[in-house]
Amino acid sequence: MEIAVGTGNLEPRSLLNRVAPGVVTARSEDLISLARMNSLWPMTFGLACCAIEMISTYMAHHDLDRFGIVPWPSPRQSDVMIVAGTVVKKMADPIKLLYEQMPEPKWVIAMGSCATNGGPYYRSYSVVMGVDHIIPVDVYVPGCPPRPEALMYGFLKLQEKIMKDGKDRGRKA
């Protein structure tokens, strides 16, 4: 015995669906932001113990690939830099150079207390008091070391920021 399912009260098809079925209308800024948001290629820059947590975020248990986030070894094809760990003054110039080699648009995630503000090595002669003194940071992921879930949440916040920036760009034009 089959159960019949009624259609109920359906709203009439819109004029656009009747005239041009299968056509999608959207602003180009929204489509570009959607593509950027769902295909992030981070360049992983692990400097200390936070790098282990960053690596575990890409493993099978957490699996960042399902968000469209695939690590990339070259700065020339990456659009996100993850700085994970203690930034010493000796590494400041290489970090800045790698950031400058990345194409626009580019974003930076500071992962862990050391990358955010120097961590337990605060006021040391050789430690930079946060990577934001060298390059602009978009998302800060706190913790010492932060859990992989925190980095995933940081990526979700970055995706929200990318969509918001795309909508704002569309309004200014």
N, C-alpha and C. Protein backbone atom coordinates (compact mmCIF):
# COMPACT_ATOMS: atom_id res chain seq x y z
N MET A 1 0.83 -1.17 0.00
CA MET A 1 0.00 0.00 0.00
C MET A 1 0.88 1.24 0.00
N GLU A 2 0.61 2.15 -0.89
CA GLU A 2 1.37 3.39 -0.97
C GLU A 2 0.62 4.52 -0.31
N ILE A 3 1.37 5.41 0.27
CA ILE A 3 0.77 6.58 0.90
C ILE A 3 0.88 7.74 -0.07
N ALA A 4 -0.23 8.38 -0.32
CA ALA A 4 -0.23 9.53 -1.23
C ALA A 4 0.18 10.78 -0.47
N VAL A 5 1.04 11.55 -1.09
CA VAL A 5 1.49 12.80 -0.49
C VAL A 5 0.93 13.93 -1.31
N GLY A 6 0.16 14.78 -0.69
CA GLY A 6 -0.43 15.92 -1.39
C GLY A 6 0.56 17.07 -1.52
N THR A 7 0.28 17.95 -2.42
CA THR A 7 1.17 19.09 -2.63
C THR A 7 0.87 20.22 -1.67
N GLY A 8 -0.29 20.24 -1.08
CA GLY A 8 -0.63 21.30 -0.14
C GLY A 8 -0.75 22.64 -0.83
N ASN A 9 -0.55 23.69 -0.08
CA ASN A 9 -0.62 25.03 -0.64
C ASN A 9 0.76 25.43 -1.15
N LEU A 10 0.95 25.38 -2.42
CA LEU A 10 2.21 25.80 -3.02
C LEU A 10 2.06 27.22 -3.54
N GLU A 11 3.08 28.01 -3.32
CA GLU A 11 3.02 29.35 -3.87
C GLU A 11 3.29 29.27 -5.37
N PRO A 12 2.71 30.15 -6.14
CA PRO A 12 2.90 30.10 -7.59
C PRO A 12 4.34 30.39 -7.96
N ARG A 13 4.78 29.82 -9.05
CA ARG A 13 6.15 30.06 -9.51
C ARG A 13 6.33 31.53 -9.83
N SER A 14 7.50 32.03 -9.53
CA SER A 14 7.76 33.44 -9.78
C SER A 14 7.86 33.70 -11.29
N LEU A 15 7.77 34.94 -11.64
CA LEU A 15 7.85 35.34 -13.04
C LEU A 15 9.19 34.92 -13.64
N LEU A 16 10.27 35.09 -12.86
CA LEU A 16 11.60 34.71 -13.36
C LEU A 16 11.67 33.22 -13.65
N ASN A 17 11.09 32.38 -12.79
CA ASN A 17 11.12 30.93 -13.01
C ASN A 17 10.25 30.52 -14.19
N ARG A 18 9.23 31.26 -14.46
CA ARG A 18 8.39 30.93 -15.62
C ARG A 18 9.05 31.36 -16.92
N VAL A 19 9.71 32.52 -16.91
CA VAL A 19 10.32 33.04 -18.14
C VAL A 19 11.65 32.35 -18.44
N ALA A 20 12.51 32.23 -17.41
CA ALA A 20 13.84 31.65 -17.62
C ALA A 20 14.11 30.61 -16.53
N PRO A 21 13.57 29.40 -16.68
CA PRO A 21 13.80 28.39 -15.65
C PRO A 21 15.27 27.96 -15.63
N GLY A 22 15.79 27.75 -14.43
CA GLY A 22 17.17 27.31 -14.29
C GLY A 22 18.18 28.44 -14.30
N VAL A 23 17.73 29.68 -14.37
CA VAL A 23 18.63 30.82 -14.36
C VAL A 23 18.76 31.31 -12.92
N VAL A 24 19.99 31.55 -12.51
CA VAL A 24 20.24 32.03 -11.16
C VAL A 24 20.67 33.49 -11.26
N THR A 25 20.09 34.31 -10.43
CA THR A 25 20.51 35.71 -10.40
C THR A 25 21.22 35.97 -9.09
N ALA A 26 22.35 36.62 -9.18
CA ALA A 26 23.13 36.98 -8.00
C ALA A 26 24.09 38.08 -8.38
N ARG A 27 24.53 38.80 -7.38
CA ARG A 27 25.56 39.81 -7.63
C ARG A 27 26.90 39.12 -7.78
N SER A 28 27.74 39.65 -8.63
CA SER A 28 29.05 39.03 -8.86
C SER A 28 29.88 39.02 -7.59
N GLU A 29 29.75 40.05 -6.74
CA GLU A 29 30.51 40.09 -5.49
C GLU A 29 30.13 38.92 -4.58
N ASP A 30 28.84 38.58 -4.56
CA ASP A 30 28.39 37.46 -3.72
C ASP A 30 28.92 36.13 -4.24
N LEU A 31 28.91 35.95 -5.56
CA LEU A 31 29.42 34.71 -6.14
C LEU A 31 30.92 34.57 -5.93
N ILE A 32 31.65 35.67 -6.10
CA ILE A 32 33.11 35.63 -5.91
C ILE A 32 33.43 35.35 -4.45
N SER A 33 32.71 36.00 -3.53
CA SER A 33 32.94 35.76 -2.11
C SER A 33 32.62 34.32 -1.73
N LEU A 34 31.55 33.78 -2.30
CA LEU A 34 31.17 32.40 -2.04
C LEU A 34 32.26 31.44 -2.52
N ALA A 35 32.82 31.71 -3.69
CA ALA A 35 33.91 30.86 -4.21
C ALA A 35 35.15 30.98 -3.35
N ARG A 36 35.49 32.20 -2.94
CA ARG A 36 36.68 32.40 -2.09
C ARG A 36 36.49 31.73 -0.74
N MET A 37 35.30 31.84 -0.18
CA MET A 37 35.03 31.30 1.13
C MET A 37 35.14 29.77 1.14
N ASN A 38 34.72 29.13 0.08
CA ASN A 38 34.67 27.67 0.04
C ASN A 38 35.87 27.01 -0.61
N SER A 39 36.91 27.78 -0.90
CA SER A 39 38.11 27.17 -1.48
C SER A 39 39.35 27.86 -0.93
N LEU A 40 39.51 27.82 0.39
CA LEU A 40 40.68 28.43 1.01
C LEU A 40 41.87 27.49 0.91
N TRP A 41 43.01 28.04 0.54
CA TRP A 41 44.25 27.28 0.43
C TRP A 41 45.26 27.86 1.41
N PRO A 42 45.30 27.34 2.63
CA PRO A 42 46.22 27.92 3.61
C PRO A 42 47.65 27.44 3.43
N MET A 43 48.56 28.37 3.68
CA MET A 43 49.98 28.04 3.76
C MET A 43 50.28 27.89 5.25
N THR A 44 50.64 26.69 5.64
CA THR A 44 50.86 26.43 7.06
C THR A 44 52.26 26.85 7.44
N PHE A 45 52.36 27.64 8.48
CA PHE A 45 53.64 28.14 8.95
C PHE A 45 53.77 27.78 10.41
N GLY A 46 54.13 26.52 10.68
CA GLY A 46 54.23 26.02 12.05
C GLY A 46 55.59 26.32 12.63
N LEU A 47 55.61 27.08 13.71
CA LEU A 47 56.87 27.50 14.32
C LEU A 47 57.18 26.81 15.64
N ALA A 48 56.18 26.28 16.32
CA ALA A 48 56.41 25.67 17.63
C ALA A 48 55.34 24.62 17.90
N CYS A 49 55.00 24.43 19.17
CA CYS A 49 54.09 23.35 19.56
C CYS A 49 52.70 23.49 18.97
N CYS A 50 52.26 24.69 18.64
CA CYS A 50 50.94 24.86 18.01
C CYS A 50 50.87 24.17 16.65
N ALA A 51 52.00 23.95 16.04
CA ALA A 51 52.02 23.29 14.73
C ALA A 51 51.48 21.87 14.81
N ILE A 52 51.70 21.19 15.93
CA ILE A 52 51.18 19.83 16.10
C ILE A 52 49.66 19.85 16.09
N GLU A 53 49.07 20.81 16.79
CA GLU A 53 47.61 20.93 16.80
C GLU A 53 47.08 21.32 15.42
N MET A 54 47.83 22.17 14.71
CA MET A 54 47.42 22.56 13.36
C MET A 54 47.45 21.35 12.43
N ILE A 55 48.47 20.53 12.55
CA ILE A 55 48.58 19.33 11.73
C ILE A 55 47.44 18.37 12.04
N SER A 56 47.11 18.22 13.33
CA SER A 56 46.04 17.29 13.68
C SER A 56 44.68 17.77 13.18
N THR A 57 44.54 19.05 12.90
CA THR A 57 43.29 19.56 12.34
C THR A 57 43.06 19.01 10.94
N TYR A 58 44.12 18.69 10.24
CA TYR A 58 44.00 18.15 8.88
C TYR A 58 43.87 16.62 8.86
N MET A 59 43.99 15.98 10.02
CA MET A 59 43.91 14.53 10.07
C MET A 59 42.45 14.07 9.98
N ALA A 60 42.26 12.77 9.93
CA ALA A 60 40.94 12.18 9.65
C ALA A 60 39.89 12.53 10.69
N HIS A 61 40.28 12.70 11.95
CA HIS A 61 39.28 12.95 12.99
C HIS A 61 38.58 14.30 12.81
N HIS A 62 39.31 15.31 12.35
CA HIS A 62 38.74 16.64 12.18
C HIS A 62 38.48 16.98 10.71
N ASP A 63 39.41 16.66 9.84
CA ASP A 63 39.22 16.69 8.38
C ASP A 63 38.74 18.04 7.85
N LEU A 64 39.69 18.98 7.72
CA LEU A 64 39.35 20.29 7.18
C LEU A 64 38.99 20.25 5.70
N ASP A 65 39.31 19.17 5.02
CA ASP A 65 38.99 19.06 3.59
C ASP A 65 37.50 19.18 3.32
N ARG A 66 36.69 18.78 4.28
CA ARG A 66 35.24 18.85 4.06
C ARG A 66 34.74 20.29 4.00
N PHE A 67 35.53 21.25 4.49
CA PHE A 67 35.18 22.65 4.38
C PHE A 67 35.77 23.29 3.12
N GLY A 68 36.48 22.51 2.31
CA GLY A 68 37.12 23.07 1.13
C GLY A 68 38.44 23.74 1.46
N ILE A 69 39.02 23.40 2.60
CA ILE A 69 40.28 24.00 3.05
C ILE A 69 41.39 22.98 2.85
N VAL A 70 42.25 23.24 1.89
CA VAL A 70 43.30 22.29 1.52
C VAL A 70 44.65 22.97 1.72
N PRO A 71 45.57 22.38 2.49
CA PRO A 71 46.87 23.03 2.70
C PRO A 71 47.68 23.10 1.42
N TRP A 72 48.44 24.16 1.29
CA TRP A 72 49.21 24.38 0.08
C TRP A 72 50.63 24.78 0.47
N PRO A 73 51.66 24.17 -0.12
CA PRO A 73 53.03 24.44 0.33
C PRO A 73 53.65 25.71 -0.24
N SER A 74 53.05 26.29 -1.25
CA SER A 74 53.67 27.44 -1.91
C SER A 74 52.92 28.73 -1.57
N PRO A 75 53.65 29.81 -1.25
CA PRO A 75 52.96 31.07 -0.96
C PRO A 75 52.32 31.69 -2.20
N ARG A 76 52.78 31.35 -3.38
CA ARG A 76 52.26 31.97 -4.60
C ARG A 76 50.88 31.45 -5.01
N GLN A 77 50.45 30.34 -4.43
CA GLN A 77 49.11 29.83 -4.69
C GLN A 77 48.23 29.85 -3.45
N SER A 78 48.75 30.26 -2.31
CA SER A 78 47.99 30.26 -1.06
C SER A 78 47.27 31.59 -0.88
N ASP A 79 46.15 31.53 -0.17
CA ASP A 79 45.45 32.77 0.13
C ASP A 79 45.25 32.98 1.63
N VAL A 80 45.63 32.01 2.45
CA VAL A 80 45.56 32.14 3.90
C VAL A 80 46.90 31.70 4.48
N MET A 81 47.43 32.49 5.40
CA MET A 81 48.64 32.09 6.12
C MET A 81 48.25 31.80 7.56
N ILE A 82 48.59 30.60 8.03
CA ILE A 82 48.37 30.25 9.44
C ILE A 82 49.72 30.35 10.13
N VAL A 83 49.86 31.29 11.04
CA VAL A 83 51.08 31.41 11.82
C VAL A 83 50.80 30.74 13.16
N ALA A 84 51.44 29.60 13.38
CA ALA A 84 51.19 28.80 14.58
C ALA A 84 52.48 28.68 15.38
N GLY A 85 52.53 29.36 16.52
CA GLY A 85 53.68 29.21 17.39
C GLY A 85 54.40 30.52 17.66
N THR A 86 55.53 30.39 18.34
CA THR A 86 56.31 31.54 18.77
C THR A 86 57.02 32.19 17.60
N VAL A 87 56.78 33.47 17.42
CA VAL A 87 57.44 34.23 16.36
C VAL A 87 58.63 34.94 16.98
N VAL A 88 59.83 34.49 16.64
CA VAL A 88 61.04 35.15 17.12
C VAL A 88 61.47 36.20 16.10
N LYS A 89 62.27 37.14 16.55
CA LYS A 89 62.66 38.26 15.68
C LYS A 89 63.44 37.79 14.46
N LYS A 90 64.13 36.68 14.58
CA LYS A 90 64.87 36.12 13.45
C LYS A 90 63.93 35.64 12.33
N MET A 91 62.72 35.22 12.70
CA MET A 91 61.75 34.73 11.72
C MET A 91 60.84 35.84 11.18
N ALA A 92 60.95 37.04 11.69
CA ALA A 92 60.05 38.13 11.28
C ALA A 92 60.20 38.45 9.80
N ASP A 93 61.43 38.56 9.32
CA ASP A 93 61.63 38.88 7.90
C ASP A 93 61.16 37.77 6.96
N PRO A 94 61.45 36.47 7.25
CA PRO A 94 60.88 35.43 6.37
C PRO A 94 59.36 35.39 6.37
N ILE A 95 58.72 35.64 7.52
CA ILE A 95 57.26 35.66 7.55
C ILE A 95 56.74 36.79 6.68
N LYS A 96 57.34 37.96 6.81
CA LYS A 96 56.91 39.11 6.01
C LYS A 96 57.13 38.85 4.52
N LEU A 97 58.26 38.24 4.17
CA LEU A 97 58.55 37.92 2.77
C LEU A 97 57.51 36.95 2.20
N LEU A 98 57.20 35.89 2.95
CA LEU A 98 56.20 34.93 2.49
C LEU A 98 54.83 35.58 2.35
N TYR A 99 54.49 36.47 3.27
CA TYR A 99 53.21 37.18 3.19
C TYR A 99 53.16 38.05 1.94
N GLU A 100 54.25 38.72 1.64
CA GLU A 100 54.29 39.58 0.45
C GLU A 100 54.24 38.78 -0.84
N GLN A 101 54.66 37.53 -0.83
CA GLN A 101 54.63 36.68 -2.02
C GLN A 101 53.23 36.13 -2.29
N MET A 102 52.36 36.19 -1.33
CA MET A 102 51.00 35.66 -1.51
C MET A 102 50.19 36.62 -2.38
N PRO A 103 49.37 36.10 -3.29
CA PRO A 103 48.54 36.97 -4.13
C PRO A 103 47.36 37.55 -3.35
N GLU A 104 46.84 38.67 -3.83
CA GLU A 104 45.65 39.27 -3.23
C GLU A 104 44.42 38.52 -3.71
N PRO A 105 43.37 38.39 -2.97
CA PRO A 105 43.23 38.72 -1.55
C PRO A 105 43.89 37.67 -0.69
N LYS A 106 44.38 38.10 0.46
CA LYS A 106 45.05 37.17 1.36
C LYS A 106 44.64 37.47 2.79
N TRP A 107 44.66 36.42 3.60
CA TRP A 107 44.23 36.53 4.98
C TRP A 107 45.23 35.83 5.88
N VAL A 108 45.25 36.21 7.16
CA VAL A 108 46.20 35.64 8.12
C VAL A 108 45.43 35.20 9.36
N ILE A 109 45.76 33.99 9.83
CA ILE A 109 45.25 33.47 11.09
C ILE A 109 46.42 33.33 12.05
N ALA A 110 46.33 33.98 13.21
CA ALA A 110 47.34 33.84 14.26
C ALA A 110 46.84 32.77 15.22
N MET A 111 47.58 31.67 15.30
CA MET A 111 47.12 30.53 16.09
C MET A 111 47.98 30.39 17.34
N GLY A 112 47.34 30.46 18.49
CA GLY A 112 48.02 30.25 19.75
C GLY A 112 48.43 31.54 20.43
N SER A 113 48.72 31.42 21.72
CA SER A 113 49.09 32.60 22.51
C SER A 113 50.39 33.22 22.04
N CYS A 114 51.33 32.41 21.62
CA CYS A 114 52.62 32.95 21.19
C CYS A 114 52.50 33.78 19.92
N ALA A 115 51.73 33.30 18.95
CA ALA A 115 51.56 34.06 17.71
C ALA A 115 50.67 35.27 17.93
N THR A 116 49.80 35.20 18.94
CA THR A 116 48.87 36.30 19.19
C THR A 116 49.54 37.43 19.97
N ASN A 117 50.26 37.09 21.05
CA ASN A 117 50.82 38.16 21.89
C ASN A 117 52.16 37.82 22.54
N GLY A 118 52.84 36.79 22.09
CA GLY A 118 54.12 36.43 22.67
C GLY A 118 54.04 35.28 23.66
N GLY A 119 52.86 34.99 24.16
CA GLY A 119 52.64 33.86 25.04
C GLY A 119 53.45 33.93 26.32
N PRO A 120 53.92 32.77 26.79
CA PRO A 120 54.70 32.76 28.04
C PRO A 120 56.07 33.42 27.88
N TYR A 121 56.47 33.68 26.66
CA TYR A 121 57.77 34.31 26.40
C TYR A 121 57.62 35.82 26.26
N TYR A 122 56.52 36.35 26.78
CA TYR A 122 56.25 37.78 26.70
C TYR A 122 57.41 38.56 27.33
N ARG A 123 57.81 39.62 26.69
CA ARG A 123 58.91 40.50 27.11
C ARG A 123 60.28 39.85 27.00
N SER A 124 60.40 38.79 26.23
CA SER A 124 61.72 38.21 25.97
C SER A 124 62.42 39.05 24.91
N TYR A 125 63.73 39.06 24.95
CA TYR A 125 64.49 39.89 24.02
C TYR A 125 64.37 39.41 22.58
N SER A 126 64.03 38.13 22.38
CA SER A 126 64.04 37.59 21.02
C SER A 126 62.66 37.30 20.45
N VAL A 127 61.59 37.52 21.21
CA VAL A 127 60.24 37.15 20.78
C VAL A 127 59.46 38.39 20.36
N VAL A 128 58.78 38.27 19.22
CA VAL A 128 57.90 39.33 18.74
C VAL A 128 56.60 39.25 19.54
N MET A 129 56.11 40.37 19.99
CA MET A 129 54.89 40.41 20.82
C MET A 129 53.63 40.28 19.97
N GLY A 130 53.59 39.24 19.18
CA GLY A 130 52.44 38.99 18.32
C GLY A 130 52.80 39.22 16.86
N VAL A 131 52.31 38.34 16.00
CA VAL A 131 52.63 38.42 14.58
C VAL A 131 51.97 39.64 13.94
N ASP A 132 50.99 40.25 14.63
CA ASP A 132 50.36 41.44 14.07
C ASP A 132 51.28 42.66 14.09
N HIS A 133 52.44 42.56 14.72
CA HIS A 133 53.45 43.62 14.62
C HIS A 133 54.20 43.54 13.30
N ILE A 134 54.07 42.42 12.60
CA ILE A 134 54.79 42.21 11.33
C ILE A 134 53.84 42.29 10.15
N ILE A 135 52.75 41.55 10.22
CA ILE A 135 51.76 41.47 9.13
C ILE A 135 50.36 41.65 9.71
N PRO A 136 49.39 42.10 8.91
CA PRO A 136 48.03 42.25 9.44
C PRO A 136 47.37 40.89 9.67
N VAL A 137 46.68 40.76 10.79
CA VAL A 137 46.03 39.50 11.17
C VAL A 137 44.52 39.68 11.07
N ASP A 138 43.84 38.68 10.49
CA ASP A 138 42.39 38.73 10.35
C ASP A 138 41.66 37.98 11.46
N VAL A 139 42.19 36.83 11.88
CA VAL A 139 41.54 36.02 12.90
C VAL A 139 42.58 35.58 13.92
N TYR A 140 42.24 35.75 15.20
CA TYR A 140 43.09 35.29 16.29
C TYR A 140 42.46 34.04 16.90
N VAL A 141 43.25 32.98 17.04
CA VAL A 141 42.78 31.74 17.67
C VAL A 141 43.54 31.61 18.99
N PRO A 142 42.86 31.84 20.13
CA PRO A 142 43.55 31.80 21.42
C PRO A 142 43.79 30.39 21.91
N GLY A 143 44.68 30.27 22.88
CA GLY A 143 44.96 28.99 23.51
C GLY A 143 46.43 28.69 23.54
N CYS A 144 46.82 27.78 24.40
CA CYS A 144 48.23 27.40 24.51
C CYS A 144 48.33 25.91 24.78
N PRO A 145 48.46 25.09 23.80
CA PRO A 145 48.12 25.32 22.39
C PRO A 145 46.61 25.20 22.19
N PRO A 146 46.09 25.87 21.19
CA PRO A 146 44.64 25.75 20.93
C PRO A 146 44.30 24.38 20.37
N ARG A 147 43.13 23.91 20.69
CA ARG A 147 42.67 22.62 20.18
C ARG A 147 42.38 22.71 18.69
N PRO A 148 42.38 21.60 17.98
CA PRO A 148 42.02 21.63 16.56
C PRO A 148 40.64 22.22 16.30
N GLU A 149 39.71 22.00 17.22
CA GLU A 149 38.37 22.58 17.06
C GLU A 149 38.42 24.10 17.07
N ALA A 150 39.35 24.67 17.83
CA ALA A 150 39.49 26.13 17.87
C ALA A 150 39.98 26.65 16.53
N LEU A 151 40.90 25.94 15.89
CA LEU A 151 41.36 26.37 14.57
C LEU A 151 40.23 26.23 13.55
N MET A 152 39.45 25.17 13.66
CA MET A 152 38.30 25.02 12.75
C MET A 152 37.31 26.17 12.95
N TYR A 153 37.08 26.56 14.19
CA TYR A 153 36.20 27.69 14.47
C TYR A 153 36.80 28.98 13.90
N GLY A 154 38.13 29.11 13.98
CA GLY A 154 38.79 30.27 13.39
C GLY A 154 38.59 30.32 11.88
N PHE A 155 38.64 29.18 11.23
CA PHE A 155 38.37 29.14 9.78
C PHE A 155 36.93 29.52 9.48
N LEU A 156 36.00 29.06 10.30
CA LEU A 156 34.59 29.43 10.09
C LEU A 156 34.41 30.93 10.25
N LYS A 157 35.08 31.53 11.23
CA LYS A 157 35.01 32.98 11.41
C LYS A 157 35.65 33.70 10.22
N LEU A 158 36.73 33.16 9.69
CA LEU A 158 37.35 33.76 8.52
C LEU A 158 36.41 33.68 7.32
N GLN A 159 35.71 32.57 7.16
CA GLN A 159 34.75 32.45 6.07
C GLN A 159 33.63 33.47 6.21
N GLU A 160 33.16 33.69 7.44
CA GLU A 160 32.14 34.71 7.67
C GLU A 160 32.67 36.09 7.30
N LYS A 161 33.93 36.35 7.65
CA LYS A 161 34.55 37.65 7.34
C LYS A 161 34.67 37.85 5.83
N ILE A 162 35.01 36.80 5.11
CA ILE A 162 35.14 36.89 3.66
C ILE A 162 33.78 37.21 3.03
N MET A 163 32.72 36.55 3.49
CA MET A 163 31.39 36.84 2.95
C MET A 163 30.95 38.26 3.30
N LYS A 164 31.21 38.70 4.52
CA LYS A 164 30.84 40.05 4.94
C LYS A 164 31.60 41.08 4.12
N ASP A 165 32.91 40.87 3.91
CA ASP A 165 33.70 41.80 3.11
C ASP A 165 33.18 41.87 1.68
N GLY A 166 32.76 40.73 1.12
CA GLY A 166 32.21 40.72 -0.24
C GLY A 166 30.91 41.49 -0.33
N LYS A 167 30.07 41.34 0.68
CA LYS A 167 28.80 42.10 0.70
C LYS A 167 29.07 43.59 0.85
N ASP A 168 30.03 43.96 1.70
CA ASP A 168 30.39 45.38 1.87
C ASP A 168 30.97 45.97 0.60
N ARG A 169 31.77 45.18 -0.11
CA ARG A 169 32.35 45.63 -1.38
C ARG A 169 31.26 45.88 -2.40
N GLY A 170 30.23 45.06 -2.37
CA GLY A 170 29.12 45.21 -3.30
C GLY A 170 28.30 46.46 -3.02
N ARG A 171 28.20 46.86 -1.77
CA ARG A 171 27.44 48.06 -1.41
C ARG A 171 28.18 49.33 -1.79
N LYS A 172 29.51 49.32 -1.70
CA LYS A 172 30.29 50.52 -1.99
C LYS A 172 30.30 50.87 -3.46
N ALA A 173 30.17 49.84 -4.31
CA ALA A 173 30.27 50.08 -5.75
C ALA A 173 29.06 50.81 -6.30
